[in-house]
Amino acid sequence: MALETKRLFLRPWKESDYESLYQYAKNPDVGPIAGWPPHQSLEESRDVIKMFFADKNVMQFV
């Protein structure tokens, strides 16, 4: 499922989004506030998507 407006497009995470996730999640000012440590590698971000975001039955936001 996706949600689209003139200015916004929300869709489930894809494994191929791992580089974008890493660019965001490696920031030390982002993760700790949300309760998780900054990502240390691209592989870690890919694993997070596989484990938590790739569920086809759950809507996630990009």
PDB file of N, CA and C in Angstrom:
ATOM      1  N   MET A   1       0.838  -1.160   0.000  1.00  0.00           N
ATOM      2  CA  MET A   1       0.000   0.000   0.000  1.00  0.00           C
ATOM      3  C   MET A   1       0.898   1.242   0.000  1.00  0.00           C
ATOM      4  N   ALA A   2       0.496   2.253  -0.699  1.00  0.00           N
ATOM      5  CA  ALA A   2       1.222   3.515  -0.750  1.00  0.00           C
ATOM      6  C   ALA A   2       0.220   4.655  -0.587  1.00  0.00           C
ATOM      7  N   LEU A   3       0.729   5.773  -0.137  1.00  0.00           N
ATOM      8  CA  LEU A   3      -0.082   6.969   0.032  1.00  0.00           C
ATOM      9  C   LEU A   3       0.604   8.089  -0.732  1.00  0.00           C
ATOM     10  N   GLU A   4      -0.142   8.739  -1.622  1.00  0.00           N
ATOM     11  CA  GLU A   4       0.453   9.783  -2.449  1.00  0.00           C
ATOM     12  C   GLU A   4      -0.407  11.042  -2.449  1.00  0.00           C
ATOM     13  N   THR A   5       0.262  12.179  -2.277  1.00  0.00           N
ATOM     14  CA  THR A   5      -0.373  13.486  -2.409  1.00  0.00           C
ATOM     15  C   THR A   5       0.475  14.293  -3.391  1.00  0.00           C
ATOM     16  N   LYS A   6       0.138  15.541  -3.593  1.00  0.00           N
ATOM     17  CA  LYS A   6       0.937  16.372  -4.502  1.00  0.00           C
ATOM     18  C   LYS A   6       2.380  16.513  -4.041  1.00  0.00           C
ATOM     19  N   ARG A   7       2.594  16.534  -2.722  1.00  0.00           N
ATOM     20  CA  ARG A   7       3.915  16.813  -2.191  1.00  0.00           C
ATOM     21  C   ARG A   7       4.561  15.665  -1.442  1.00  0.00           C
ATOM     22  N   LEU A   8       3.895  14.524  -1.345  1.00  0.00           N
ATOM     23  CA  LEU A   8       4.391  13.447  -0.495  1.00  0.00           C
ATOM     24  C   LEU A   8       4.066  12.090  -1.097  1.00  0.00           C
ATOM     25  N   PHE A   9       5.020  11.171  -0.989  1.00  0.00           N
ATOM     26  CA  PHE A   9       4.791   9.795  -1.415  1.00  0.00           C
ATOM     27  C   PHE A   9       5.322   8.872  -0.327  1.00  0.00           C
ATOM     28  N   LEU A  10       4.432   8.119   0.308  1.00  0.00           N
ATOM     29  CA  LEU A  10       4.792   7.167   1.351  1.00  0.00           C
ATOM     30  C   LEU A  10       4.561   5.763   0.823  1.00  0.00           C
ATOM     31  N   ARG A  11       5.534   4.901   1.060  1.00  0.00           N
ATOM     32  CA  ARG A  11       5.422   3.514   0.617  1.00  0.00           C
ATOM     33  C   ARG A  11       6.210   2.637   1.573  1.00  0.00           C
ATOM     34  N   PRO A  12       5.990   1.341   1.525  1.00  0.00           N
ATOM     35  CA  PRO A  12       6.770   0.444   2.382  1.00  0.00           C
ATOM     36  C   PRO A  12       8.262   0.509   2.021  1.00  0.00           C
ATOM     37  N   TRP A  13       9.095   0.262   3.002  1.00  0.00           N
ATOM     38  CA  TRP A  13      10.533   0.182   2.752  1.00  0.00           C
ATOM     39  C   TRP A  13      10.834  -0.975   1.814  1.00  0.00           C
ATOM     40  N   LYS A  14      11.860  -0.813   1.010  1.00  0.00           N
ATOM     41  CA  LYS A  14      12.385  -1.878   0.152  1.00  0.00           C
ATOM     42  C   LYS A  14      13.823  -2.125   0.572  1.00  0.00           C
ATOM     43  N   GLU A  15      14.287  -3.329   0.379  1.00  0.00           N
ATOM     44  CA  GLU A  15      15.679  -3.630   0.729  1.00  0.00           C
ATOM     45  C   GLU A  15      16.637  -2.688  -0.001  1.00  0.00           C
ATOM     46  N   SER A  16      16.287  -2.291  -1.196  1.00  0.00           N
ATOM     47  CA  SER A  16      17.145  -1.396  -1.984  1.00  0.00           C
ATOM     48  C   SER A  16      17.237   0.013  -1.392  1.00  0.00           C
ATOM     49  N   ASP A  17      16.463   0.313  -0.361  1.00  0.00           N
ATOM     50  CA  ASP A  17      16.509   1.623   0.300  1.00  0.00           C
ATOM     51  C   ASP A  17      17.610   1.704   1.359  1.00  0.00           C
ATOM     52  N   TYR A  18      18.418   0.666   1.482  1.00  0.00           N
ATOM     53  CA  TYR A  18      19.371   0.603   2.587  1.00  0.00           C
ATOM     54  C   TYR A  18      20.376   1.754   2.589  1.00  0.00           C
ATOM     55  N   GLU A  19      20.804   2.229   1.428  1.00  0.00           N
ATOM     56  CA  GLU A  19      21.763   3.339   1.405  1.00  0.00           C
ATOM     57  C   GLU A  19      21.136   4.626   1.937  1.00  0.00           C
ATOM     58  N   SER A  20      19.901   4.876   1.573  1.00  0.00           N
ATOM     59  CA  SER A  20      19.205   6.058   2.088  1.00  0.00           C
ATOM     60  C   SER A  20      18.991   5.952   3.591  1.00  0.00           C
ATOM     61  N   LEU A  21      18.598   4.776   4.050  1.00  0.00           N
ATOM     62  CA  LEU A  21      18.428   4.579   5.482  1.00  0.00           C
ATOM     63  C   LEU A  21      19.744   4.813   6.208  1.00  0.00           C
ATOM     64  N   TYR A  22      20.830   4.286   5.676  1.00  0.00           N
ATOM     65  CA  TYR A  22      22.135   4.455   6.319  1.00  0.00           C
ATOM     66  C   TYR A  22      22.521   5.925   6.432  1.00  0.00           C
ATOM     67  N   GLN A  23      22.301   6.691   5.387  1.00  0.00           N
ATOM     68  CA  GLN A  23      22.646   8.110   5.418  1.00  0.00           C
ATOM     69  C   GLN A  23      21.918   8.830   6.554  1.00  0.00           C
ATOM     70  N   TYR A  24      20.715   8.420   6.836  1.00  0.00           N
ATOM     71  CA  TYR A  24      19.933   8.996   7.927  1.00  0.00           C
ATOM     72  C   TYR A  24      20.332   8.388   9.271  1.00  0.00           C
ATOM     73  N   ALA A  25      20.408   7.074   9.326  1.00  0.00           N
ATOM     74  CA  ALA A  25      20.562   6.361  10.592  1.00  0.00           C
ATOM     75  C   ALA A  25      21.973   6.402  11.148  1.00  0.00           C
ATOM     76  N   LYS A  26      22.967   6.784  10.369  1.00  0.00           N
ATOM     77  CA  LYS A  26      24.331   6.865  10.891  1.00  0.00           C
ATOM     78  C   LYS A  26      24.557   8.138  11.711  1.00  0.00           C
ATOM     79  N   ASN A  27      23.659   9.083  11.617  1.00  0.00           N
ATOM     80  CA  ASN A  27      23.780  10.348  12.334  1.00  0.00           C
ATOM     81  C   ASN A  27      23.628  10.090  13.839  1.00  0.00           C
ATOM     82  N   PRO A  28      24.631  10.445  14.646  1.00  0.00           N
ATOM     83  CA  PRO A  28      24.546  10.183  16.089  1.00  0.00           C
ATOM     84  C   PRO A  28      23.485  11.011  16.802  1.00  0.00           C
ATOM     85  N   ASP A  29      22.925  12.004  16.138  1.00  0.00           N
ATOM     86  CA  ASP A  29      21.863  12.809  16.739  1.00  0.00           C
ATOM     87  C   ASP A  29      20.468  12.259  16.436  1.00  0.00           C
ATOM     88  N   VAL A  30      20.378  11.200  15.652  1.00  0.00           N
ATOM     89  CA  VAL A  30      19.078  10.657  15.253  1.00  0.00           C
ATOM     90  C   VAL A  30      18.692   9.435  16.084  1.00  0.00           C
ATOM     91  N   GLY A  31      19.467   8.381  16.009  1.00  0.00           N
ATOM     92  CA  GLY A  31      19.111   7.110  16.626  1.00  0.00           C
ATOM     93  C   GLY A  31      18.896   7.121  18.118  1.00  0.00           C
ATOM     94  N   PRO A  32      19.833   7.671  18.892  1.00  0.00           N
ATOM     95  CA  PRO A  32      19.664   7.607  20.346  1.00  0.00           C
ATOM     96  C   PRO A  32      18.354   8.213  20.851  1.00  0.00           C
ATOM     97  N   ILE A  33      17.901   9.256  20.219  1.00  0.00           N
ATOM     98  CA  ILE A  33      16.618   9.853  20.628  1.00  0.00           C
ATOM     99  C   ILE A  33      15.477   8.878  20.362  1.00  0.00           C
ATOM    100  N   ALA A  34      15.601   8.084  19.309  1.00  0.00           N
ATOM    101  CA  ALA A  34      14.571   7.106  18.958  1.00  0.00           C
ATOM    102  C   ALA A  34      14.762   5.787  19.699  1.00  0.00           C
ATOM    103  N   GLY A  35      15.870   5.637  20.429  1.00  0.00           N
ATOM    104  CA  GLY A  35      16.082   4.418  21.199  1.00  0.00           C
ATOM    105  C   GLY A  35      16.971   3.383  20.547  1.00  0.00           C
ATOM    106  N   TRP A  36      17.689   3.747  19.496  1.00  0.00           N
ATOM    107  CA  TRP A  36      18.612   2.796  18.847  1.00  0.00           C
ATOM    108  C   TRP A  36      19.933   3.496  18.542  1.00  0.00           C
ATOM    109  N   PRO A  37      21.033   2.734  18.528  1.00  0.00           N
ATOM    110  CA  PRO A  37      22.343   3.333  18.262  1.00  0.00           C
ATOM    111  C   PRO A  37      22.492   3.693  16.786  1.00  0.00           C
ATOM    112  N   PRO A  38      23.373   4.650  16.477  1.00  0.00           N
ATOM    113  CA  PRO A  38      23.628   4.978  15.073  1.00  0.00           C
ATOM    114  C   PRO A  38      24.109   3.737  14.308  1.00  0.00           C
ATOM    115  N   HIS A  39      23.695   3.636  13.066  1.00  0.00           N
ATOM    116  CA  HIS A  39      24.141   2.517  12.239  1.00  0.00           C
ATOM    117  C   HIS A  39      25.617   2.683  11.927  1.00  0.00           C
ATOM    118  N   GLN A  40      26.329   1.565  11.931  1.00  0.00           N
ATOM    119  CA  GLN A  40      27.771   1.574  11.714  1.00  0.00           C
ATOM    120  C   GLN A  40      28.177   1.194  10.293  1.00  0.00           C
ATOM    121  N   SER A  41      27.241   0.659   9.503  1.00  0.00           N
ATOM    122  CA  SER A  41      27.597   0.218   8.148  1.00  0.00           C
ATOM    123  C   SER A  41      26.352   0.122   7.272  1.00  0.00           C
ATOM    124  N   LEU A  42      26.608   0.075   5.968  1.00  0.00           N
ATOM    125  CA  LEU A  42      25.510  -0.144   5.015  1.00  0.00           C
ATOM    126  C   LEU A  42      24.843  -1.491   5.262  1.00  0.00           C
ATOM    127  N   GLU A  43      25.648  -2.484   5.603  1.00  0.00           N
ATOM    128  CA  GLU A  43      25.101  -3.820   5.850  1.00  0.00           C
ATOM    129  C   GLU A  43      24.144  -3.815   7.038  1.00  0.00           C
ATOM    130  N   GLU A  44      24.481  -3.047   8.063  1.00  0.00           N
ATOM    131  CA  GLU A  44      23.591  -2.957   9.212  1.00  0.00           C
ATOM    132  C   GLU A  44      22.242  -2.368   8.802  1.00  0.00           C
ATOM    133  N   SER A  45      22.264  -1.334   7.992  1.00  0.00           N
ATOM    134  CA  SER A  45      21.015  -0.730   7.526  1.00  0.00           C
ATOM    135  C   SER A  45      20.220  -1.706   6.668  1.00  0.00           C
ATOM    136  N   ARG A  46      20.901  -2.460   5.832  1.00  0.00           N
ATOM    137  CA  ARG A  46      20.215  -3.469   5.011  1.00  0.00           C
ATOM    138  C   ARG A  46      19.568  -4.516   5.910  1.00  0.00           C
ATOM    139  N   ASP A  47      20.280  -4.955   6.940  1.00  0.00           N
ATOM    140  CA  ASP A  47      19.734  -5.953   7.852  1.00  0.00           C
ATOM    141  C   ASP A  47      18.513  -5.421   8.608  1.00  0.00           C
ATOM    142  N   VAL A  48      18.556  -4.154   8.993  1.00  0.00           N
ATOM    143  CA  VAL A  48      17.417  -3.551   9.689  1.00  0.00           C
ATOM    144  C   VAL A  48      16.179  -3.565   8.789  1.00  0.00           C
ATOM    145  N   ILE A  49      16.364  -3.212   7.536  1.00  0.00           N
ATOM    146  CA  ILE A  49      15.223  -3.245   6.605  1.00  0.00           C
ATOM    147  C   ILE A  49      14.692  -4.662   6.469  1.00  0.00           C
ATOM    148  N   LYS A  50      15.584  -5.619   6.323  1.00  0.00           N
ATOM    149  CA  LYS A  50      15.144  -7.013   6.188  1.00  0.00           C
ATOM    150  C   LYS A  50      14.374  -7.481   7.417  1.00  0.00           C
ATOM    151  N   MET A  51      14.881  -7.140   8.597  1.00  0.00           N
ATOM    152  CA  MET A  51      14.279  -7.643   9.838  1.00  0.00           C
ATOM    153  C   MET A  51      13.010  -6.902  10.245  1.00  0.00           C
ATOM    154  N   PHE A  52      12.986  -5.590  10.078  1.00  0.00           N
ATOM    155  CA  PHE A  52      11.909  -4.804  10.666  1.00  0.00           C
ATOM    156  C   PHE A  52      10.959  -4.143   9.676  1.00  0.00           C
ATOM    157  N   PHE A  53      11.435  -3.813   8.492  1.00  0.00           N
ATOM    158  CA  PHE A  53      10.633  -2.992   7.594  1.00  0.00           C
ATOM    159  C   PHE A  53      10.112  -3.716   6.364  1.00  0.00           C
ATOM    160  N   ALA A  54      10.607  -4.866   6.043  1.00  0.00           N
ATOM    161  CA  ALA A  54      10.245  -5.516   4.788  1.00  0.00           C
ATOM    162  C   ALA A  54       8.970  -6.355   4.882  1.00  0.00           C
ATOM    163  N   ASP A  55       8.253  -6.281   5.977  1.00  0.00           N
ATOM    164  CA  ASP A  55       7.001  -7.012   6.133  1.00  0.00           C
ATOM    165  C   ASP A  55       5.953  -6.404   5.208  1.00  0.00           C
ATOM    166  N   LYS A  56       5.488  -7.170   4.272  1.00  0.00           N
ATOM    167  CA  LYS A  56       4.528  -6.688   3.277  1.00  0.00           C
ATOM    168  C   LYS A  56       3.158  -6.344   3.880  1.00  0.00           C
ATOM    169  N   ASN A  57       2.894  -6.836   5.096  1.00  0.00           N
ATOM    170  CA  ASN A  57       1.600  -6.613   5.709  1.00  0.00           C
ATOM    171  C   ASN A  57       1.563  -5.381   6.620  1.00  0.00           C
ATOM    172  N   VAL A  58       2.693  -4.702   6.751  1.00  0.00           N
ATOM    173  CA  VAL A  58       2.768  -3.548   7.646  1.00  0.00           C
ATOM    174  C   VAL A  58       3.181  -2.327   6.842  1.00  0.00           C
ATOM    175  N   MET A  59       2.438  -1.254   6.951  1.00  0.00           N
ATOM    176  CA  MET A  59       2.766  -0.015   6.243  1.00  0.00           C
ATOM    177  C   MET A  59       3.893   0.692   6.976  1.00  0.00           C
ATOM    178  N   GLN A  60       4.955   0.992   6.268  1.00  0.00           N
ATOM    179  CA  GLN A  60       6.075   1.734   6.834  1.00  0.00           C
ATOM    180  C   GLN A  60       6.236   3.019   6.041  1.00  0.00           C
ATOM    181  N   PHE A  61       6.893   3.988   6.610  1.00  0.00           N
ATOM    182  CA  PHE A  61       7.029   5.291   5.983  1.00  0.00           C
ATOM    183  C   PHE A  61       8.475   5.588   5.656  1.00  0.00           C
ATOM    184  N   VAL A  62       8.676   6.205   4.514  1.00  0.00           N
ATOM    185  CA  VAL A  62      10.013   6.558   4.048  1.00  0.00           C
ATOM    186  C   VAL A  62      10.247   8.032   4.296  1.00  0.00           C
TER     187      VAL A  62
END
